[in-house]
Amino acid sequence: MVNVEEVFGVLAGKVWSTLKENGNLTVGEIAKLASLSREEAMAGLGWLARENKIRIEYHGKKRHYSLNE
């Protein structure tokens, strides 16, 4: 059986590291830089959002994510 917390925790860690290194990014940019699918990047962002570790800013119609420091 797959440990769901471990899977999502690893994805969140990759997303967090990518945002820490690169700052304000879109989902597509996060996915590309972290070598994740869009779905995996969104899962990681969701985990971080539940922990209140990210913030969202809108630039036009695009959402940009950054760490909530």
C-alpha atoms as a PDB file:
ATOM      1  CA  MET A   1       0.000   0.000   0.000  1.00  0.00           C
ATOM      2  CA  VAL A   2       1.237   3.501  -0.855  1.00  0.00           C
ATOM      3  CA  ASN A   3       1.767   5.949   1.991  1.00  0.00           C
ATOM      4  CA  VAL A   4      -0.228   8.956   0.772  1.00  0.00           C
ATOM      5  CA  GLU A   5       1.364  11.382   3.221  1.00  0.00           C
ATOM      6  CA  GLU A   6       4.826  10.358   2.060  1.00  0.00           C
ATOM      7  CA  VAL A   7       3.971  10.753  -1.647  1.00  0.00           C
ATOM      8  CA  PHE A   8       2.387  14.175  -1.217  1.00  0.00           C
ATOM      9  CA  GLY A   9       5.042  15.246   1.274  1.00  0.00           C
ATOM     10  CA  VAL A  10       7.794  14.495  -1.259  1.00  0.00           C
ATOM     11  CA  LEU A  11       5.948  16.479  -3.949  1.00  0.00           C
ATOM     12  CA  ALA A  12       5.468  19.381  -1.543  1.00  0.00           C
ATOM     13  CA  GLY A  13       9.167  19.294  -0.720  1.00  0.00           C
ATOM     14  CA  LYS A  14      10.121  19.523  -4.398  1.00  0.00           C
ATOM     15  CA  VAL A  15       7.717  22.413  -4.962  1.00  0.00           C
ATOM     16  CA  TRP A  16       8.931  24.200  -1.813  1.00  0.00           C
ATOM     17  CA  SER A  17      12.573  23.856  -2.872  1.00  0.00           C
ATOM     18  CA  THR A  18      11.776  25.143  -6.351  1.00  0.00           C
ATOM     19  CA  LEU A  19       9.964  28.184  -4.966  1.00  0.00           C
ATOM     20  CA  LYS A  20      12.767  28.798  -2.464  1.00  0.00           C
ATOM     21  CA  GLU A  21      15.367  28.812  -5.248  1.00  0.00           C
ATOM     22  CA  ASN A  22      13.375  30.695  -7.889  1.00  0.00           C
ATOM     23  CA  GLY A  23      10.745  32.833  -6.189  1.00  0.00           C
ATOM     24  CA  ASN A  24       7.460  33.786  -7.824  1.00  0.00           C
ATOM     25  CA  LEU A  25       6.395  31.113 -10.377  1.00  0.00           C
ATOM     26  CA  THR A  26       3.391  29.766 -12.257  1.00  0.00           C
ATOM     27  CA  VAL A  27       2.343  26.113 -11.974  1.00  0.00           C
ATOM     28  CA  GLY A  28       3.875  25.382 -15.368  1.00  0.00           C
ATOM     29  CA  GLU A  29       7.167  26.952 -14.350  1.00  0.00           C
ATOM     30  CA  ILE A  30       7.195  25.028 -11.074  1.00  0.00           C
ATOM     31  CA  ALA A  31       6.492  21.770 -12.892  1.00  0.00           C
ATOM     32  CA  LYS A  32       9.239  22.349 -15.439  1.00  0.00           C
ATOM     33  CA  LEU A  33      11.895  23.448 -12.946  1.00  0.00           C
ATOM     34  CA  ALA A  34      11.086  20.666 -10.468  1.00  0.00           C
ATOM     35  CA  SER A  35      10.775  17.993 -13.200  1.00  0.00           C
ATOM     36  CA  LEU A  36       7.186  17.268 -12.183  1.00  0.00           C
ATOM     37  CA  SER A  37       3.941  16.905 -14.109  1.00  0.00           C
ATOM     38  CA  ARG A  38       1.423  19.728 -13.725  1.00  0.00           C
ATOM     39  CA  GLU A  39      -0.703  17.367 -11.655  1.00  0.00           C
ATOM     40  CA  GLU A  40       2.204  16.617  -9.296  1.00  0.00           C
ATOM     41  CA  ALA A  41       3.036  20.322  -8.993  1.00  0.00           C
ATOM     42  CA  MET A  42      -0.599  21.087  -8.110  1.00  0.00           C
ATOM     43  CA  ALA A  43      -0.621  18.292  -5.525  1.00  0.00           C
ATOM     44  CA  GLY A  44       2.504  19.730  -3.920  1.00  0.00           C
ATOM     45  CA  LEU A  45       1.030  23.226  -3.956  1.00  0.00           C
ATOM     46  CA  GLY A  46      -2.149  21.906  -2.342  1.00  0.00           C
ATOM     47  CA  TRP A  47      -0.150  20.336   0.476  1.00  0.00           C
ATOM     48  CA  LEU A  48       1.791  23.556   1.024  1.00  0.00           C
ATOM     49  CA  ALA A  49      -1.426  25.600   0.918  1.00  0.00           C
ATOM     50  CA  ARG A  50      -2.958  23.453   3.678  1.00  0.00           C
ATOM     51  CA  GLU A  51       0.130  24.231   5.756  1.00  0.00           C
ATOM     52  CA  ASN A  52      -0.187  27.953   4.921  1.00  0.00           C
ATOM     53  CA  LYS A  53       3.298  27.962   3.389  1.00  0.00           C
ATOM     54  CA  ILE A  54       2.498  29.606   0.052  1.00  0.00           C
ATOM     55  CA  ARG A  55       0.806  32.719  -1.219  1.00  0.00           C
ATOM     56  CA  ILE A  56      -0.874  33.396  -4.545  1.00  0.00           C
ATOM     57  CA  GLU A  57      -0.631  36.570  -6.578  1.00  0.00           C
ATOM     58  CA  TYR A  58      -2.429  37.311  -9.824  1.00  0.00           C
ATOM     59  CA  HIS A  59      -0.574  38.822 -12.748  1.00  0.00           C
ATOM     60  CA  GLY A  60      -3.363  39.395 -15.232  1.00  0.00           C
ATOM     61  CA  LYS A  61      -5.122  36.042 -15.478  1.00  0.00           C
ATOM     62  CA  LYS A  62      -2.074  34.032 -14.399  1.00  0.00           C
ATOM     63  CA  ARG A  63      -1.576  32.785 -10.864  1.00  0.00           C
ATOM     64  CA  HIS A  64       1.925  33.033  -9.446  1.00  0.00           C
ATOM     65  CA  TYR A  65       2.977  31.138  -6.340  1.00  0.00           C
ATOM     66  CA  SER A  66       5.649  32.051  -3.817  1.00  0.00           C
ATOM     67  CA  LEU A  67       6.608  31.043  -0.299  1.00  0.00           C
ATOM     68  CA  ASN A  68       4.766  32.660   2.576  1.00  0.00           C
ATOM     69  CA  GLU A  69       7.753  33.873   4.560  1.00  0.00           C
END
